[in-house]
Amino acid sequence: MRYFIDTHPCCDGNHELHQNGCVVFPKRETVVLVGEFRSSYDALRAAHWLYPLVEGCRICCPECRVESSPISILL
């Protein structure tokens, strides 16, 4: 699956990670391709190299939300 990160942060300062085809996908001009990954956790780890404050979209990557993710996945 292809993953993208929104270059515009949310109101809490985090950037959102989205799967290609997400129903709340941001405007194409505001996203950067993170890459193709087997899991959203792997995509999240890679996205941290681009934007240290990143979390999964509540629709397409809910398992990678800050409030639901164990901190160990970020290491």
C-alpha atoms as a PDB file:
ATOM      1  CA  MET A   1       0.000   0.000   0.000  1.00  0.00           C
ATOM      2  CA  ARG A   2       1.202   3.535  -0.758  1.00  0.00           C
ATOM      3  CA  TYR A   3       1.373   5.998   2.113  1.00  0.00           C
ATOM      4  CA  PHE A   4       1.474   9.780   2.037  1.00  0.00           C
ATOM      5  CA  ILE A   5       2.017  12.462   4.642  1.00  0.00           C
ATOM      6  CA  ASP A   6       0.173  15.758   4.736  1.00  0.00           C
ATOM      7  CA  THR A   7       2.684  18.617   4.747  1.00  0.00           C
ATOM      8  CA  HIS A   8       0.214  20.887   6.554  1.00  0.00           C
ATOM      9  CA  PRO A   9       0.054  20.057  10.266  1.00  0.00           C
ATOM     10  CA  CYS A  10      -3.230  19.604  12.112  1.00  0.00           C
ATOM     11  CA  CYS A  11      -4.219  22.010  14.881  1.00  0.00           C
ATOM     12  CA  ASP A  12      -2.260  19.884  17.399  1.00  0.00           C
ATOM     13  CA  GLY A  13       0.936  20.232  15.338  1.00  0.00           C
ATOM     14  CA  ASN A  14       0.983  16.638  14.072  1.00  0.00           C
ATOM     15  CA  HIS A  15       1.133  15.723  10.407  1.00  0.00           C
ATOM     16  CA  GLU A  16      -1.218  12.954   9.285  1.00  0.00           C
ATOM     17  CA  LEU A  17      -0.200   9.771   7.522  1.00  0.00           C
ATOM     18  CA  HIS A  18      -2.713   8.575   4.885  1.00  0.00           C
ATOM     19  CA  GLN A  19      -3.119   5.494   2.745  1.00  0.00           C
ATOM     20  CA  ASN A  20      -3.642   6.044  -0.951  1.00  0.00           C
ATOM     21  CA  GLY A  21      -7.389   6.205  -1.546  1.00  0.00           C
ATOM     22  CA  CYS A  22      -8.338   7.416   1.941  1.00  0.00           C
ATOM     23  CA  VAL A  23     -11.782   9.063   1.959  1.00  0.00           C
ATOM     24  CA  VAL A  24     -10.327  12.115   3.757  1.00  0.00           C
ATOM     25  CA  PHE A  25      -7.153  12.290   1.647  1.00  0.00           C
ATOM     26  CA  PRO A  26      -5.786  15.866   1.617  1.00  0.00           C
ATOM     27  CA  LYS A  27      -5.261  17.912  -1.526  1.00  0.00           C
ATOM     28  CA  ARG A  28      -2.644  16.315  -3.779  1.00  0.00           C
ATOM     29  CA  GLU A  29      -0.489  19.446  -3.672  1.00  0.00           C
ATOM     30  CA  THR A  30      -0.162  19.185   0.129  1.00  0.00           C
ATOM     31  CA  VAL A  31       1.064  15.587   0.368  1.00  0.00           C
ATOM     32  CA  VAL A  32       4.439  13.887   0.065  1.00  0.00           C
ATOM     33  CA  LEU A  33       4.860  10.225  -0.809  1.00  0.00           C
ATOM     34  CA  VAL A  34       6.363   8.294   2.099  1.00  0.00           C
ATOM     35  CA  GLY A  35       6.549   5.075   0.098  1.00  0.00           C
ATOM     36  CA  GLU A  36       5.054   1.617  -0.264  1.00  0.00           C
ATOM     37  CA  PHE A  37       4.829  -0.426   2.913  1.00  0.00           C
ATOM     38  CA  ARG A  38       3.246  -3.654   4.084  1.00  0.00           C
ATOM     39  CA  SER A  39       1.847  -2.021   7.218  1.00  0.00           C
ATOM     40  CA  SER A  40       0.900   1.409   8.443  1.00  0.00           C
ATOM     41  CA  TYR A  41       3.340   0.942  11.340  1.00  0.00           C
ATOM     42  CA  ASP A  42       6.243   0.625   8.885  1.00  0.00           C
ATOM     43  CA  ALA A  43       5.011   3.692   7.010  1.00  0.00           C
ATOM     44  CA  LEU A  44       4.756   5.638  10.264  1.00  0.00           C
ATOM     45  CA  ARG A  45       8.362   4.809  11.168  1.00  0.00           C
ATOM     46  CA  ALA A  46       9.528   6.043   7.760  1.00  0.00           C
ATOM     47  CA  ALA A  47       7.358   9.164   7.973  1.00  0.00           C
ATOM     48  CA  HIS A  48       9.097  10.132  11.215  1.00  0.00           C
ATOM     49  CA  TRP A  49      12.250  10.785   9.180  1.00  0.00           C
ATOM     50  CA  LEU A  50      10.334  13.440   7.218  1.00  0.00           C
ATOM     51  CA  TYR A  51       8.221  14.887  10.023  1.00  0.00           C
ATOM     52  CA  PRO A  52       8.974  14.006  13.660  1.00  0.00           C
ATOM     53  CA  LEU A  53       5.413  14.885  14.705  1.00  0.00           C
ATOM     54  CA  VAL A  54       3.265  12.474  12.709  1.00  0.00           C
ATOM     55  CA  GLU A  55       0.358  10.177  13.467  1.00  0.00           C
ATOM     56  CA  GLY A  56      -1.985   8.006  11.462  1.00  0.00           C
ATOM     57  CA  CYS A  57      -5.208   9.270   9.957  1.00  0.00           C
ATOM     58  CA  ARG A  58      -8.209   8.427  12.150  1.00  0.00           C
ATOM     59  CA  ILE A  59      -9.959   6.914   9.092  1.00  0.00           C
ATOM     60  CA  CYS A  60      -7.322   4.907   7.200  1.00  0.00           C
ATOM     61  CA  CYS A  61      -4.588   4.383   9.847  1.00  0.00           C
ATOM     62  CA  PRO A  62      -6.399   4.449  13.221  1.00  0.00           C
ATOM     63  CA  GLU A  63      -3.963   1.949  14.726  1.00  0.00           C
ATOM     64  CA  CYS A  64      -1.226   4.583  14.324  1.00  0.00           C
ATOM     65  CA  ARG A  65      -2.983   7.348  16.234  1.00  0.00           C
ATOM     66  CA  VAL A  66      -1.007   8.815  19.133  1.00  0.00           C
ATOM     67  CA  GLU A  67      -3.706   7.923  21.661  1.00  0.00           C
ATOM     68  CA  SER A  68      -3.891   4.282  20.477  1.00  0.00           C
ATOM     69  CA  SER A  69      -0.259   3.514  19.621  1.00  0.00           C
ATOM     70  CA  PRO A  70       2.284   1.995  21.951  1.00  0.00           C
ATOM     71  CA  ILE A  71       5.340   4.248  22.010  1.00  0.00           C
ATOM     72  CA  SER A  72       7.569   1.304  21.051  1.00  0.00           C
ATOM     73  CA  ILE A  73       6.359   1.403  17.431  1.00  0.00           C
ATOM     74  CA  LEU A  74       8.016   4.774  17.041  1.00  0.00           C
ATOM     75  CA  LEU A  75      11.472   3.531  18.003  1.00  0.00           C
END
